[in-house]
Amino acid sequence: MTSQQPTLAAHESLEIHEVLNFKTLCLAKSKLMQGLVFDQELKDLMEKDVQQSIQAIADLQAIYAKAPFQAPVPDFRPTPILN
C-alpha cells in the first residue's frame, strides 16, 4: 500500500498563490514604510507585522508545495524587441 501525499485542488492552489502574492506585497510595504515612520510605537507595531508576515509566507509556501501542478521555467528567453 502506497501513501499518497495530499494535494490541493486547482482552485485552492490558485487561491493560495494569490494570498502569497498579497502577503509578499504587504511585507514589502511594511518594510519600506518603517523608514518613513518616526513614532516608535508605530515602528514596533510595523516590525511585529513584518515578523508575522514572514512566518505567514513560510506557512503558505509549505501549503503551496502541495499544489498538483508546477509551472515549468522555460530554458530560453524571448528575443528582446528593443536593443
N, C-alpha and C. Protein backbone atom coordinates (compact mmCIF):
# COMPACT_ATOMS: atom_id res chain seq x y z
N MET A 1 0.85 -1.19 0.00
CA MET A 1 0.00 0.00 0.00
C MET A 1 0.88 1.24 0.00
N THR A 2 0.68 2.11 -0.96
CA THR A 2 1.48 3.33 -1.04
C THR A 2 0.69 4.49 -0.45
N SER A 3 1.40 5.33 0.26
CA SER A 3 0.74 6.50 0.82
C SER A 3 0.95 7.68 -0.12
N GLN A 4 -0.13 8.31 -0.48
CA GLN A 4 -0.04 9.45 -1.39
C GLN A 4 -0.08 10.74 -0.59
N GLN A 5 0.74 11.67 -1.03
CA GLN A 5 0.77 12.99 -0.42
C GLN A 5 -0.51 13.73 -0.82
N PRO A 6 -1.24 14.29 0.14
CA PRO A 6 -2.44 15.04 -0.25
C PRO A 6 -2.06 16.27 -1.09
N THR A 7 -2.87 16.53 -2.09
CA THR A 7 -2.61 17.68 -2.95
C THR A 7 -3.78 18.64 -2.88
N LEU A 8 -3.51 19.84 -3.29
CA LEU A 8 -4.55 20.86 -3.34
C LEU A 8 -5.32 20.75 -4.65
N ALA A 9 -6.57 21.15 -4.62
CA ALA A 9 -7.33 21.26 -5.86
C ALA A 9 -6.80 22.47 -6.62
N ALA A 10 -7.08 22.52 -7.91
CA ALA A 10 -6.56 23.61 -8.75
C ALA A 10 -6.99 24.98 -8.22
N HIS A 11 -8.26 25.11 -7.84
CA HIS A 11 -8.73 26.42 -7.36
C HIS A 11 -8.09 26.77 -6.02
N GLU A 12 -7.80 25.78 -5.18
CA GLU A 12 -7.13 26.04 -3.91
C GLU A 12 -5.69 26.51 -4.16
N SER A 13 -5.04 25.89 -5.13
CA SER A 13 -3.67 26.28 -5.48
C SER A 13 -3.62 27.73 -5.94
N LEU A 14 -4.57 28.11 -6.78
CA LEU A 14 -4.62 29.49 -7.27
C LEU A 14 -4.90 30.48 -6.15
N GLU A 15 -5.79 30.11 -5.25
CA GLU A 15 -6.11 30.99 -4.13
C GLU A 15 -4.92 31.15 -3.20
N ILE A 16 -4.21 30.06 -2.91
CA ILE A 16 -3.01 30.14 -2.07
C ILE A 16 -1.97 31.03 -2.76
N HIS A 17 -1.83 30.88 -4.07
CA HIS A 17 -0.89 31.70 -4.83
C HIS A 17 -1.24 33.18 -4.71
N GLU A 18 -2.52 33.51 -4.81
CA GLU A 18 -2.95 34.90 -4.69
C GLU A 18 -2.67 35.44 -3.30
N VAL A 19 -2.91 34.64 -2.27
CA VAL A 19 -2.66 35.07 -0.89
C VAL A 19 -1.16 35.27 -0.68
N LEU A 20 -0.35 34.37 -1.25
CA LEU A 20 1.11 34.52 -1.15
C LEU A 20 1.57 35.82 -1.78
N ASN A 21 1.05 36.13 -2.95
CA ASN A 21 1.39 37.39 -3.61
C ASN A 21 0.99 38.58 -2.76
N PHE A 22 -0.21 38.54 -2.19
CA PHE A 22 -0.70 39.63 -1.36
C PHE A 22 0.16 39.81 -0.11
N LYS A 23 0.47 38.71 0.58
CA LYS A 23 1.27 38.79 1.80
C LYS A 23 2.68 39.30 1.49
N THR A 24 3.23 38.90 0.35
CA THR A 24 4.55 39.37 -0.03
C THR A 24 4.54 40.87 -0.29
N LEU A 25 3.51 41.34 -0.96
CA LEU A 25 3.36 42.78 -1.20
C LEU A 25 3.20 43.54 0.11
N CYS A 26 2.40 43.02 1.02
CA CYS A 26 2.20 43.66 2.33
C CYS A 26 3.51 43.71 3.11
N LEU A 27 4.28 42.64 3.05
CA LEU A 27 5.57 42.60 3.74
C LEU A 27 6.50 43.67 3.19
N ALA A 28 6.58 43.77 1.88
CA ALA A 28 7.45 44.77 1.26
C ALA A 28 7.01 46.18 1.66
N LYS A 29 5.71 46.42 1.67
CA LYS A 29 5.20 47.74 2.01
C LYS A 29 5.50 48.08 3.47
N SER A 30 5.31 47.12 4.37
CA SER A 30 5.59 47.37 5.78
C SER A 30 7.07 47.67 6.01
N LYS A 31 7.93 46.92 5.33
CA LYS A 31 9.37 47.15 5.50
C LYS A 31 9.76 48.53 4.96
N LEU A 32 9.20 48.91 3.82
CA LEU A 32 9.52 50.22 3.25
C LEU A 32 8.99 51.35 4.12
N MET A 33 7.79 51.20 4.63
CA MET A 33 7.16 52.26 5.41
C MET A 33 7.84 52.47 6.76
N GLN A 34 8.53 51.46 7.28
CA GLN A 34 9.22 51.61 8.56
C GLN A 34 10.23 52.75 8.51
N GLY A 35 10.84 52.96 7.36
CA GLY A 35 11.82 54.02 7.23
C GLY A 35 11.21 55.42 7.23
N LEU A 36 9.91 55.49 7.02
CA LEU A 36 9.24 56.79 6.97
C LEU A 36 8.52 57.16 8.26
N VAL A 37 8.49 56.22 9.20
CA VAL A 37 7.73 56.42 10.44
C VAL A 37 8.67 56.86 11.55
N PHE A 38 8.25 57.86 12.33
CA PHE A 38 9.07 58.36 13.42
C PHE A 38 8.55 57.95 14.79
N ASP A 39 7.30 57.58 14.88
CA ASP A 39 6.71 57.16 16.15
C ASP A 39 7.19 55.74 16.48
N GLN A 40 7.86 55.58 17.62
CA GLN A 40 8.45 54.29 17.98
C GLN A 40 7.40 53.20 18.19
N GLU A 41 6.27 53.56 18.76
CA GLU A 41 5.21 52.58 18.98
C GLU A 41 4.69 52.04 17.65
N LEU A 42 4.53 52.92 16.68
CA LEU A 42 4.09 52.50 15.35
C LEU A 42 5.16 51.67 14.67
N LYS A 43 6.44 52.05 14.82
CA LYS A 43 7.54 51.26 14.26
C LYS A 43 7.54 49.85 14.84
N ASP A 44 7.34 49.76 16.14
CA ASP A 44 7.31 48.44 16.80
C ASP A 44 6.16 47.60 16.26
N LEU A 45 5.02 48.23 16.07
CA LEU A 45 3.85 47.53 15.53
C LEU A 45 4.12 47.05 14.10
N MET A 46 4.77 47.89 13.32
CA MET A 46 5.09 47.52 11.95
C MET A 46 6.13 46.39 11.92
N GLU A 47 7.08 46.41 12.84
CA GLU A 47 8.07 45.33 12.91
C GLU A 47 7.40 44.02 13.28
N LYS A 48 6.43 44.09 14.17
CA LYS A 48 5.67 42.88 14.54
C LYS A 48 4.93 42.35 13.31
N ASP A 49 4.36 43.25 12.52
CA ASP A 49 3.67 42.85 11.28
C ASP A 49 4.64 42.19 10.32
N VAL A 50 5.85 42.73 10.21
CA VAL A 50 6.87 42.16 9.33
C VAL A 50 7.18 40.72 9.77
N GLN A 51 7.42 40.53 11.05
CA GLN A 51 7.76 39.19 11.55
C GLN A 51 6.61 38.20 11.35
N GLN A 52 5.39 38.64 11.60
CA GLN A 52 4.23 37.77 11.41
C GLN A 52 4.03 37.46 9.93
N SER A 53 4.29 38.43 9.07
CA SER A 53 4.16 38.20 7.63
C SER A 53 5.19 37.20 7.13
N ILE A 54 6.41 37.30 7.63
CA ILE A 54 7.46 36.35 7.24
C ILE A 54 7.03 34.93 7.63
N GLN A 55 6.48 34.76 8.81
CA GLN A 55 6.02 33.44 9.25
C GLN A 55 4.84 32.97 8.41
N ALA A 56 3.91 33.87 8.13
CA ALA A 56 2.74 33.50 7.32
C ALA A 56 3.16 33.08 5.92
N ILE A 57 4.12 33.78 5.34
CA ILE A 57 4.61 33.43 4.00
C ILE A 57 5.25 32.05 4.01
N ALA A 58 6.03 31.77 5.03
CA ALA A 58 6.66 30.44 5.15
C ALA A 58 5.59 29.35 5.27
N ASP A 59 4.57 29.60 6.06
CA ASP A 59 3.48 28.63 6.22
C ASP A 59 2.73 28.42 4.91
N LEU A 60 2.45 29.51 4.21
CA LEU A 60 1.74 29.41 2.93
C LEU A 60 2.58 28.69 1.88
N GLN A 61 3.88 28.93 1.89
CA GLN A 61 4.76 28.24 0.93
C GLN A 61 4.74 26.73 1.17
N ALA A 62 4.68 26.32 2.43
CA ALA A 62 4.61 24.89 2.75
C ALA A 62 3.31 24.29 2.22
N ILE A 63 2.23 25.03 2.33
CA ILE A 63 0.94 24.54 1.82
C ILE A 63 0.97 24.53 0.29
N TYR A 64 1.54 25.58 -0.30
CA TYR A 64 1.58 25.70 -1.76
C TYR A 64 2.41 24.59 -2.39
N ALA A 65 3.33 24.03 -1.65
CA ALA A 65 4.16 22.92 -2.16
C ALA A 65 3.30 21.71 -2.49
N LYS A 66 2.08 21.65 -1.97
CA LYS A 66 1.16 20.54 -2.25
C LYS A 66 0.32 20.76 -3.50
N ALA A 67 0.63 21.83 -4.24
CA ALA A 67 -0.11 22.11 -5.47
C ALA A 67 0.14 20.96 -6.46
N PRO A 68 -0.90 20.53 -7.17
CA PRO A 68 -0.75 19.38 -8.06
C PRO A 68 0.00 19.71 -9.35
N PHE A 69 0.28 20.97 -9.60
CA PHE A 69 0.95 21.34 -10.83
C PHE A 69 2.05 22.33 -10.51
N GLN A 70 3.06 22.32 -11.31
CA GLN A 70 4.16 23.27 -11.19
C GLN A 70 4.39 23.87 -12.57
N ALA A 71 4.51 25.14 -12.64
CA ALA A 71 4.77 25.79 -13.91
C ALA A 71 6.26 25.66 -14.23
N PRO A 72 6.58 25.02 -15.36
CA PRO A 72 8.00 24.87 -15.69
C PRO A 72 8.61 26.21 -16.10
N VAL A 73 9.85 26.40 -15.75
CA VAL A 73 10.59 27.59 -16.15
C VAL A 73 11.23 27.29 -17.49
N PRO A 74 10.94 28.09 -18.51
CA PRO A 74 11.49 27.79 -19.83
C PRO A 74 13.01 27.94 -19.84
N ASP A 75 13.67 27.13 -20.68
CA ASP A 75 15.12 27.20 -20.80
C ASP A 75 15.57 28.35 -21.68
N PHE A 76 14.66 28.93 -22.43
CA PHE A 76 15.01 30.01 -23.34
C PHE A 76 14.33 31.30 -22.88
N ARG A 77 14.82 32.37 -23.35
CA ARG A 77 14.23 33.68 -23.06
C ARG A 77 13.79 34.29 -24.38
N PRO A 78 12.70 35.04 -24.38
CA PRO A 78 12.27 35.67 -25.62
C PRO A 78 13.30 36.68 -26.12
N THR A 79 13.32 36.86 -27.40
CA THR A 79 14.23 37.84 -28.01
C THR A 79 13.71 39.24 -27.70
N PRO A 80 14.55 40.11 -27.14
CA PRO A 80 14.08 41.47 -26.84
C PRO A 80 13.73 42.23 -28.12
N ILE A 81 12.68 43.03 -28.04
CA ILE A 81 12.29 43.79 -29.22
C ILE A 81 12.99 45.14 -29.28
N LEU A 82 13.58 45.58 -28.15
CA LEU A 82 14.32 46.82 -28.09
C LEU A 82 15.75 46.53 -27.71
N ASN A 83 16.66 47.19 -28.35
CA ASN A 83 18.09 46.99 -28.01
C ASN A 83 18.60 48.14 -27.18
